Structures are given as C-alpha cells and as structure tokens.
C-alpha cells in the first residue's frame, strides 16, 4: 500500500527511507519486530509492481475503484484531482 500511495502522489522514483516513514501508518512504525530498513526494503520491493501505473490508476487502486468509477462518484469537474 505504501508503494501504491507513493505512486498515487505522482512520484516516479523508488521511495526513500525518509519518504517511507510518511507512507506508513503510525501503528506500523511502532512495531518493534520490524526495523526501519526492513520497512524500506518491503516498500521498495513492492515499487516494481506499481511503478508502471499512472498516478490516476494508483489512486483508483488505493480507493478500490476504477478511474471511470471515481469520475462517476466525484463528477467530471473534479477529475483534475485524480
């Protein structure tokens, strides 16, 4: 999900360690069994699965909808937000 959020923000590079901490939910960061470097490795390894998506496709996946469904939900005046 973190890699998908990074792509949804229209980022085209692999998430860095600093960026990763902002992509993860706060409870995940408190897990003592997983070190920060491990989180970064997990997010970066998932990056390959999402880097080919457009930002709109990534946003749609985050929301669990297709881009066309999102445009129907929010209306065409708001499609520039996608």
PDB file of N, CA and C in Angstrom:
ATOM      1  N   UNK A   1       0.828  -1.180   0.000  1.00  0.00           N
ATOM      2  CA  UNK A   1       0.000   0.000   0.000  1.00  0.00           C
ATOM      3  C   UNK A   1       0.879   1.253   0.000  1.00  0.00           C
ATOM      4  N   UNK A   2       1.993   1.225   0.716  1.00  0.00           N
ATOM      5  CA  UNK A   2       2.864   2.404   0.782  1.00  0.00           C
ATOM      6  C   UNK A   2       3.431   2.740  -0.596  1.00  0.00           C
ATOM      7  N   UNK A   3       3.843   1.730  -1.334  1.00  0.00           N
ATOM      8  CA  UNK A   3       4.367   1.972  -2.679  1.00  0.00           C
ATOM      9  C   UNK A   3       3.262   2.524  -3.585  1.00  0.00           C
ATOM     10  N   UNK A   4       2.068   2.009  -3.418  1.00  0.00           N
ATOM     11  CA  UNK A   4       0.931   2.483  -4.203  1.00  0.00           C
ATOM     12  C   UNK A   4       0.596   3.936  -3.864  1.00  0.00           C
ATOM     13  N   UNK A   5       0.649   4.294  -2.597  1.00  0.00           N
ATOM     14  CA  UNK A   5       0.421   5.685  -2.192  1.00  0.00           C
ATOM     15  C   UNK A   5       1.475   6.619  -2.775  1.00  0.00           C
ATOM     16  N   UNK A   6       2.719   6.142  -2.804  1.00  0.00           N
ATOM     17  CA  UNK A   6       3.812   6.941  -3.359  1.00  0.00           C
ATOM     18  C   UNK A   6       3.564   7.207  -4.844  1.00  0.00           C
ATOM     19  N   UNK A   7       3.142   6.175  -5.559  1.00  0.00           N
ATOM     20  CA  UNK A   7       2.858   6.328  -6.994  1.00  0.00           C
ATOM     21  C   UNK A   7       1.625   7.197  -7.210  1.00  0.00           C
ATOM     22  N   UNK A   8       0.634   7.065  -6.327  1.00  0.00           N
ATOM     23  CA  UNK A   8      -0.577   7.877  -6.428  1.00  0.00           C
ATOM     24  C   UNK A   8      -0.264   9.358  -6.249  1.00  0.00           C
ATOM     25  N   UNK A   9       0.820   9.655  -5.542  1.00  0.00           N
ATOM     26  CA  UNK A   9       1.258  11.044  -5.376  1.00  0.00           C
ATOM     27  C   UNK A   9       2.052  11.519  -6.586  1.00  0.00           C
ATOM     28  N   UNK A  10       2.028  10.735  -7.657  1.00  0.00           N
ATOM     29  CA  UNK A  10       2.698  11.046  -8.914  1.00  0.00           C
ATOM     30  C   UNK A  10       4.219  11.044  -8.794  1.00  0.00           C
ATOM     31  N   UNK A  11       4.719  10.247  -7.858  1.00  0.00           N
ATOM     32  CA  UNK A  11       6.166  10.081  -7.705  1.00  0.00           C
ATOM     33  C   UNK A  11       6.619   9.002  -8.683  1.00  0.00           C
ATOM     34  N   UNK A  12       7.756   9.240  -9.320  1.00  0.00           N
ATOM     35  CA  UNK A  12       8.243   8.287 -10.312  1.00  0.00           C
ATOM     36  C   UNK A  12       9.537   7.602  -9.881  1.00  0.00           C
ATOM     37  N   UNK A  13       9.996   7.892  -8.676  1.00  0.00           N
ATOM     38  CA  UNK A  13      11.218   7.285  -8.174  1.00  0.00           C
ATOM     39  C   UNK A  13      10.898   6.336  -7.017  1.00  0.00           C
ATOM     40  N   UNK A  14      11.810   5.428  -6.749  1.00  0.00           N
ATOM     41  CA  UNK A  14      11.648   4.492  -5.643  1.00  0.00           C
ATOM     42  C   UNK A  14      11.594   5.292  -4.333  1.00  0.00           C
ATOM     43  N   UNK A  15      10.656   4.959  -3.450  1.00  0.00           N
ATOM     44  CA  UNK A  15      10.554   5.699  -2.188  1.00  0.00           C
ATOM     45  C   UNK A  15      11.838   5.574  -1.349  1.00  0.00           C
ATOM     46  N   UNK A  16      12.277   6.695  -0.818  1.00  0.00           N
ATOM     47  CA  UNK A  16      13.460   6.707   0.047  1.00  0.00           C
ATOM     48  C   UNK A  16      13.053   6.347   1.469  1.00  0.00           C
ATOM     49  N   UNK A  17      14.041   6.200   2.347  1.00  0.00           N
ATOM     50  CA  UNK A  17      13.750   5.890   3.738  1.00  0.00           C
ATOM     51  C   UNK A  17      12.924   7.012   4.370  1.00  0.00           C
ATOM     52  N   UNK A  18      13.295   8.245   4.100  1.00  0.00           N
ATOM     53  CA  UNK A  18      12.573   9.381   4.670  1.00  0.00           C
ATOM     54  C   UNK A  18      11.129   9.407   4.176  1.00  0.00           C
ATOM     55  N   UNK A  19      10.929   9.150   2.885  1.00  0.00           N
ATOM     56  CA  UNK A  19       9.579   9.147   2.322  1.00  0.00           C
ATOM     57  C   UNK A  19       8.758   7.982   2.867  1.00  0.00           C
ATOM     58  N   UNK A  20       9.399   6.842   3.065  1.00  0.00           N
ATOM     59  CA  UNK A  20       8.701   5.652   3.518  1.00  0.00           C
ATOM     60  C   UNK A  20       8.041   5.870   4.868  1.00  0.00           C
ATOM     61  N   UNK A  21       8.710   6.577   5.767  1.00  0.00           N
ATOM     62  CA  UNK A  21       8.112   6.765   7.094  1.00  0.00           C
ATOM     63  C   UNK A  21       6.826   7.586   7.033  1.00  0.00           C
ATOM     64  N   UNK A  22       6.662   8.402   5.996  1.00  0.00           N
ATOM     65  CA  UNK A  22       5.438   9.174   5.840  1.00  0.00           C
ATOM     66  C   UNK A  22       4.356   8.398   5.093  1.00  0.00           C
ATOM     67  N   UNK A  23       4.737   7.307   4.457  1.00  0.00           N
ATOM     68  CA  UNK A  23       3.786   6.490   3.709  1.00  0.00           C
ATOM     69  C   UNK A  23       3.145   5.405   4.569  1.00  0.00           C
ATOM     70  N   UNK A  24       3.797   5.074   5.667  1.00  0.00           N
ATOM     71  CA  UNK A  24       3.309   4.005   6.537  1.00  0.00           C
ATOM     72  C   UNK A  24       2.377   4.554   7.609  1.00  0.00           C
ATOM     73  N   UNK A  25       1.390   3.769   8.010  1.00  0.00           N
ATOM     74  CA  UNK A  25       0.537   4.207   9.121  1.00  0.00           C
ATOM     75  C   UNK A  25       1.339   4.236  10.424  1.00  0.00           C
ATOM     76  N   UNK A  26       1.016   5.153  11.301  1.00  0.00           N
ATOM     77  CA  UNK A  26       1.764   5.308  12.550  1.00  0.00           C
ATOM     78  C   UNK A  26       1.870   4.014  13.361  1.00  0.00           C
ATOM     79  N   UNK A  27       0.801   3.216  13.470  1.00  0.00           N
ATOM     80  CA  UNK A  27       0.945   1.964  14.231  1.00  0.00           C
ATOM     81  C   UNK A  27       2.013   1.023  13.658  1.00  0.00           C
ATOM     82  N   UNK A  28       2.198   1.055  12.352  1.00  0.00           N
ATOM     83  CA  UNK A  28       3.218   0.197  11.741  1.00  0.00           C
ATOM     84  C   UNK A  28       4.616   0.610  12.188  1.00  0.00           C
ATOM     85  N   UNK A  29       4.794   1.897  12.407  1.00  0.00           N
ATOM     86  CA  UNK A  29       6.114   2.389  12.807  1.00  0.00           C
ATOM     87  C   UNK A  29       6.458   2.030  14.246  1.00  0.00           C
ATOM     88  N   UNK A  30       5.461   1.659  15.038  1.00  0.00           N
ATOM     89  CA  UNK A  30       5.721   1.298  16.435  1.00  0.00           C
ATOM     90  C   UNK A  30       6.022  -0.177  16.622  1.00  0.00           C
ATOM     91  N   UNK A  31       5.884  -0.964  15.571  1.00  0.00           N
ATOM     92  CA  UNK A  31       6.175  -2.396  15.653  1.00  0.00           C
ATOM     93  C   UNK A  31       7.681  -2.569  15.843  1.00  0.00           C
ATOM     94  N   UNK A  32       8.041  -3.157  16.951  1.00  0.00           N
ATOM     95  CA  UNK A  32       9.470  -3.281  17.283  1.00  0.00           C
ATOM     96  C   UNK A  32      10.155  -4.424  16.544  1.00  0.00           C
ATOM     97  N   UNK A  33       9.375  -5.371  16.042  1.00  0.00           N
ATOM     98  CA  UNK A  33       9.956  -6.523  15.344  1.00  0.00           C
ATOM     99  C   UNK A  33      10.491  -6.164  13.964  1.00  0.00           C
ATOM    100  N   UNK A  34       9.995  -5.074  13.418  1.00  0.00           N
ATOM    101  CA  UNK A  34      10.403  -4.665  12.064  1.00  0.00           C
ATOM    102  C   UNK A  34      11.193  -3.367  12.167  1.00  0.00           C
ATOM    103  N   UNK A  35      12.427  -3.418  11.710  1.00  0.00           N
ATOM    104  CA  UNK A  35      13.299  -2.245  11.757  1.00  0.00           C
ATOM    105  C   UNK A  35      13.007  -1.325  10.562  1.00  0.00           C
ATOM    106  N   UNK A  36      13.348  -0.035  10.682  1.00  0.00           N
ATOM    107  CA  UNK A  36      13.086   0.903   9.578  1.00  0.00           C
ATOM    108  C   UNK A  36      13.635   0.444   8.230  1.00  0.00           C
ATOM    109  N   UNK A  37      14.834  -0.099   8.235  1.00  0.00           N
ATOM    110  CA  UNK A  37      15.421  -0.566   6.969  1.00  0.00           C
ATOM    111  C   UNK A  37      14.586  -1.689   6.351  1.00  0.00           C
ATOM    112  N   UNK A  38      13.980  -2.512   7.189  1.00  0.00           N
ATOM    113  CA  UNK A  38      13.134  -3.592   6.679  1.00  0.00           C
ATOM    114  C   UNK A  38      11.862  -3.026   6.039  1.00  0.00           C
ATOM    115  N   UNK A  39      11.284  -2.000   6.660  1.00  0.00           N
ATOM    116  CA  UNK A  39      10.112  -1.358   6.056  1.00  0.00           C
ATOM    117  C   UNK A  39      10.467  -0.799   4.686  1.00  0.00           C
ATOM    118  N   UNK A  40      11.605  -0.124   4.615  1.00  0.00           N
ATOM    119  CA  UNK A  40      12.039   0.470   3.340  1.00  0.00           C
ATOM    120  C   UNK A  40      12.216  -0.623   2.295  1.00  0.00           C
ATOM    121  N   UNK A  41      12.857  -1.724   2.673  1.00  0.00           N
ATOM    122  CA  UNK A  41      13.057  -2.826   1.729  1.00  0.00           C
ATOM    123  C   UNK A  41      11.729  -3.390   1.232  1.00  0.00           C
ATOM    124  N   UNK A  42      10.763  -3.521   2.143  1.00  0.00           N
ATOM    125  CA  UNK A  42       9.457  -4.050   1.741  1.00  0.00           C
ATOM    126  C   UNK A  42       8.755  -3.096   0.769  1.00  0.00           C
ATOM    127  N   UNK A  43       8.781  -1.808   1.083  1.00  0.00           N
ATOM    128  CA  UNK A  43       8.127  -0.831   0.212  1.00  0.00           C
ATOM    129  C   UNK A  43       8.835  -0.774  -1.138  1.00  0.00           C
ATOM    130  N   UNK A  44      10.149  -0.740  -1.119  1.00  0.00           N
ATOM    131  CA  UNK A  44      10.901  -0.662  -2.376  1.00  0.00           C
ATOM    132  C   UNK A  44      10.728  -1.918  -3.217  1.00  0.00           C
ATOM    133  N   UNK A  45      10.608  -3.077  -2.578  1.00  0.00           N
ATOM    134  CA  UNK A  45      10.410  -4.305  -3.364  1.00  0.00           C
ATOM    135  C   UNK A  45       9.028  -4.314  -4.016  1.00  0.00           C
ATOM    136  N   UNK A  46       8.049  -3.659  -3.404  1.00  0.00           N
ATOM    137  CA  UNK A  46       6.716  -3.563  -3.999  1.00  0.00           C
ATOM    138  C   UNK A  46       6.632  -2.469  -5.050  1.00  0.00           C
ATOM    139  N   UNK A  47       7.615  -1.595  -5.094  1.00  0.00           N
ATOM    140  CA  UNK A  47       7.605  -0.500  -6.062  1.00  0.00           C
ATOM    141  C   UNK A  47       7.552  -1.033  -7.492  1.00  0.00           C
ATOM    142  N   UNK A  48       8.242  -2.132  -7.753  1.00  0.00           N
ATOM    143  CA  UNK A  48       8.268  -2.698  -9.105  1.00  0.00           C
ATOM    144  C   UNK A  48       6.861  -3.056  -9.596  1.00  0.00           C
ATOM    145  N   UNK A  49       5.978  -3.377  -8.654  1.00  0.00           N
ATOM    146  CA  UNK A  49       4.615  -3.758  -9.024  1.00  0.00           C
ATOM    147  C   UNK A  49       3.732  -2.562  -9.362  1.00  0.00           C
ATOM    148  N   UNK A  50       4.119  -1.370  -8.908  1.00  0.00           N
ATOM    149  CA  UNK A  50       3.247  -0.207  -9.105  1.00  0.00           C
ATOM    150  C   UNK A  50       3.850   0.888  -9.967  1.00  0.00           C
ATOM    151  N   UNK A  51       5.141   0.811 -10.267  1.00  0.00           N
ATOM    152  CA  UNK A  51       5.778   1.909 -10.994  1.00  0.00           C
ATOM    153  C   UNK A  51       5.241   2.102 -12.398  1.00  0.00           C
ATOM    154  N   UNK A  52       4.657   1.053 -12.983  1.00  0.00           N
ATOM    155  CA  UNK A  52       4.139   1.185 -14.343  1.00  0.00           C
ATOM    156  C   UNK A  52       2.735   1.787 -14.377  1.00  0.00           C
ATOM    157  N   UNK A  53       2.109   1.938 -13.215  1.00  0.00           N
ATOM    158  CA  UNK A  53       0.783   2.552 -13.150  1.00  0.00           C
ATOM    159  C   UNK A  53       0.871   4.063 -13.326  1.00  0.00           C
ATOM    160  N   UNK A  54      -0.172   4.650 -13.861  1.00  0.00           N
ATOM    161  CA  UNK A  54      -0.247   6.109 -13.864  1.00  0.00           C
ATOM    162  C   UNK A  54      -0.684   6.530 -12.461  1.00  0.00           C
ATOM    163  N   UNK A  55      -0.539   7.802 -12.166  1.00  0.00           N
ATOM    164  CA  UNK A  55      -0.965   8.303 -10.856  1.00  0.00           C
ATOM    165  C   UNK A  55      -2.468   8.078 -10.669  1.00  0.00           C
ATOM    166  N   UNK A  56      -3.238   8.261 -11.737  1.00  0.00           N
ATOM    167  CA  UNK A  56      -4.692   8.058 -11.651  1.00  0.00           C
ATOM    168  C   UNK A  56      -5.016   6.601 -11.363  1.00  0.00           C
ATOM    169  N   UNK A  57      -4.331   5.688 -12.033  1.00  0.00           N
ATOM    170  CA  UNK A  57      -4.567   4.260 -11.786  1.00  0.00           C
ATOM    171  C   UNK A  57      -4.201   3.893 -10.351  1.00  0.00           C
ATOM    172  N   UNK A  58      -3.113   4.455  -9.856  1.00  0.00           N
ATOM    173  CA  UNK A  58      -2.701   4.172  -8.479  1.00  0.00           C
ATOM    174  C   UNK A  58      -3.719   4.708  -7.488  1.00  0.00           C
ATOM    175  N   UNK A  59      -4.226   5.915  -7.730  1.00  0.00           N
ATOM    176  CA  UNK A  59      -5.249   6.490  -6.849  1.00  0.00           C
ATOM    177  C   UNK A  59      -6.501   5.623  -6.872  1.00  0.00           C
ATOM    178  N   UNK A  60      -6.869   5.149  -8.040  1.00  0.00           N
ATOM    179  CA  UNK A  60      -8.048   4.299  -8.156  1.00  0.00           C
ATOM    180  C   UNK A  60      -7.860   3.007  -7.372  1.00  0.00           C
ATOM    181  N   UNK A  61      -6.668   2.437  -7.428  1.00  0.00           N
ATOM    182  CA  UNK A  61      -6.411   1.212  -6.681  1.00  0.00           C
ATOM    183  C   UNK A  61      -6.435   1.465  -5.185  1.00  0.00           C
ATOM    184  N   UNK A  62      -5.919   2.608  -4.762  1.00  0.00           N
ATOM    185  CA  UNK A  62      -5.955   2.950  -3.339  1.00  0.00           C
ATOM    186  C   UNK A  62      -7.406   3.007  -2.877  1.00  0.00           C
ATOM    187  N   UNK A  63      -8.257   3.587  -3.696  1.00  0.00           N
ATOM    188  CA  UNK A  63      -9.669   3.718  -3.356  1.00  0.00           C
ATOM    189  C   UNK A  63     -10.471   2.457  -3.669  1.00  0.00           C
ATOM    190  N   UNK A  64      -9.845   1.506  -4.357  1.00  0.00           N
ATOM    191  CA  UNK A  64     -10.527   0.267  -4.707  1.00  0.00           C
ATOM    192  C   UNK A  64     -11.538   0.425  -5.819  1.00  0.00           C
ATOM    193  N   UNK A  65     -11.334   1.407  -6.673  1.00  0.00           N
ATOM    194  CA  UNK A  65     -12.263   1.688  -7.752  1.00  0.00           C
ATOM    195  C   UNK A  65     -11.493   1.830  -9.061  1.00  0.00           C
ATOM    196  N   UNK A  66     -12.216   1.760 -10.167  1.00  0.00           N
ATOM    197  CA  UNK A  66     -11.604   2.054 -11.457  1.00  0.00           C
ATOM    198  C   UNK A  66     -11.627   3.575 -11.640  1.00  0.00           C
ATOM    199  N   UNK A  67     -10.717   4.133 -12.455  1.00  0.00           N
ATOM    200  CA  UNK A  67     -10.748   5.584 -12.697  1.00  0.00           C
ATOM    201  C   UNK A  67     -12.114   6.067 -13.187  1.00  0.00           C
ATOM    202  N   UNK A  68     -12.782   5.294 -14.023  1.00  0.00           N
ATOM    203  CA  UNK A  68     -14.106   5.692 -14.524  1.00  0.00           C
ATOM    204  C   UNK A  68     -15.117   5.741 -13.385  1.00  0.00           C
ATOM    205  N   UNK A  69     -15.030   4.789 -12.451  1.00  0.00           N
ATOM    206  CA  UNK A  69     -15.941   4.782 -11.312  1.00  0.00           C
ATOM    207  C   UNK A  69     -15.722   6.005 -10.427  1.00  0.00           C
ATOM    208  N   UNK A  70     -14.470   6.385 -10.248  1.00  0.00           N
ATOM    209  CA  UNK A  70     -14.162   7.537  -9.403  1.00  0.00           C
ATOM    210  C   UNK A  70     -14.714   8.804 -10.034  1.00  0.00           C
ATOM    211  N   UNK A  71     -14.564   8.934 -11.350  1.00  0.00           N
ATOM    212  CA  UNK A  71     -15.089  10.124 -12.030  1.00  0.00           C
ATOM    213  C   UNK A  71     -16.607  10.178 -11.879  1.00  0.00           C
ATOM    214  N   UNK A  72     -17.264   9.026 -11.923  1.00  0.00           N
ATOM    215  CA  UNK A  72     -18.716   8.994 -11.730  1.00  0.00           C
ATOM    216  C   UNK A  72     -19.080   9.402 -10.302  1.00  0.00           C
ATOM    217  N   UNK A  73     -18.278   8.981  -9.340  1.00  0.00           N
ATOM    218  CA  UNK A  73     -18.567   9.282  -7.935  1.00  0.00           C
ATOM    219  C   UNK A  73     -18.377  10.765  -7.646  1.00  0.00           C
ATOM    220  N   UNK A  74     -17.233  11.323  -8.048  1.00  0.00           N
ATOM    221  CA  UNK A  74     -16.928  12.718  -7.694  1.00  0.00           C
ATOM    222  C   UNK A  74     -17.363  13.696  -8.769  1.00  0.00           C
ATOM    223  N   UNK A  75     -17.670  13.216  -9.939  1.00  0.00           N
ATOM    224  CA  UNK A  75     -18.105  14.095 -11.023  1.00  0.00           C
ATOM    225  C   UNK A  75     -16.965  14.586 -11.866  1.00  0.00           C
ATOM    226  N   UNK A  76     -17.241  14.879 -13.096  1.00  0.00           N
ATOM    227  CA  UNK A  76     -16.195  15.319 -14.021  1.00  0.00           C
ATOM    228  C   UNK A  76     -15.537  16.624 -13.643  1.00  0.00           C
ATOM    229  N   UNK A  77     -16.210  17.579 -12.949  1.00  0.00           N
ATOM    230  CA  UNK A  77     -15.495  18.804 -12.584  1.00  0.00           C
ATOM    231  C   UNK A  77     -14.296  18.548 -11.651  1.00  0.00           C
ATOM    232  N   UNK A  78     -14.315  17.387 -10.985  1.00  0.00           N
ATOM    233  CA  UNK A  78     -13.258  17.094 -10.037  1.00  0.00           C
ATOM    234  C   UNK A  78     -12.238  16.098 -10.570  1.00  0.00           C
ATOM    235  N   UNK A  79     -12.327  15.721 -11.848  1.00  0.00           N
ATOM    236  CA  UNK A  79     -11.410  14.728 -12.369  1.00  0.00           C
ATOM    237  C   UNK A  79      -9.966  15.203 -12.374  1.00  0.00           C
ATOM    238  N   UNK A  80      -9.734  16.518 -12.346  1.00  0.00           N
ATOM    239  CA  UNK A  80      -8.364  17.025 -12.290  1.00  0.00           C
ATOM    240  C   UNK A  80      -7.700  16.679 -10.961  1.00  0.00           C
ATOM    241  N   UNK A  81      -8.472  16.319  -9.948  1.00  0.00           N
ATOM    242  CA  UNK A  81      -7.922  15.922  -8.658  1.00  0.00           C
ATOM    243  C   UNK A  81      -7.368  14.521  -8.690  1.00  0.00           C
ATOM    244  N   UNK A  82      -7.800  13.726  -9.660  1.00  0.00           N
ATOM    245  CA  UNK A  82      -7.358  12.340  -9.738  1.00  0.00           C
ATOM    246  C   UNK A  82      -5.958  12.229 -10.233  1.00  0.00           C
TER     247      UNK A  82
END
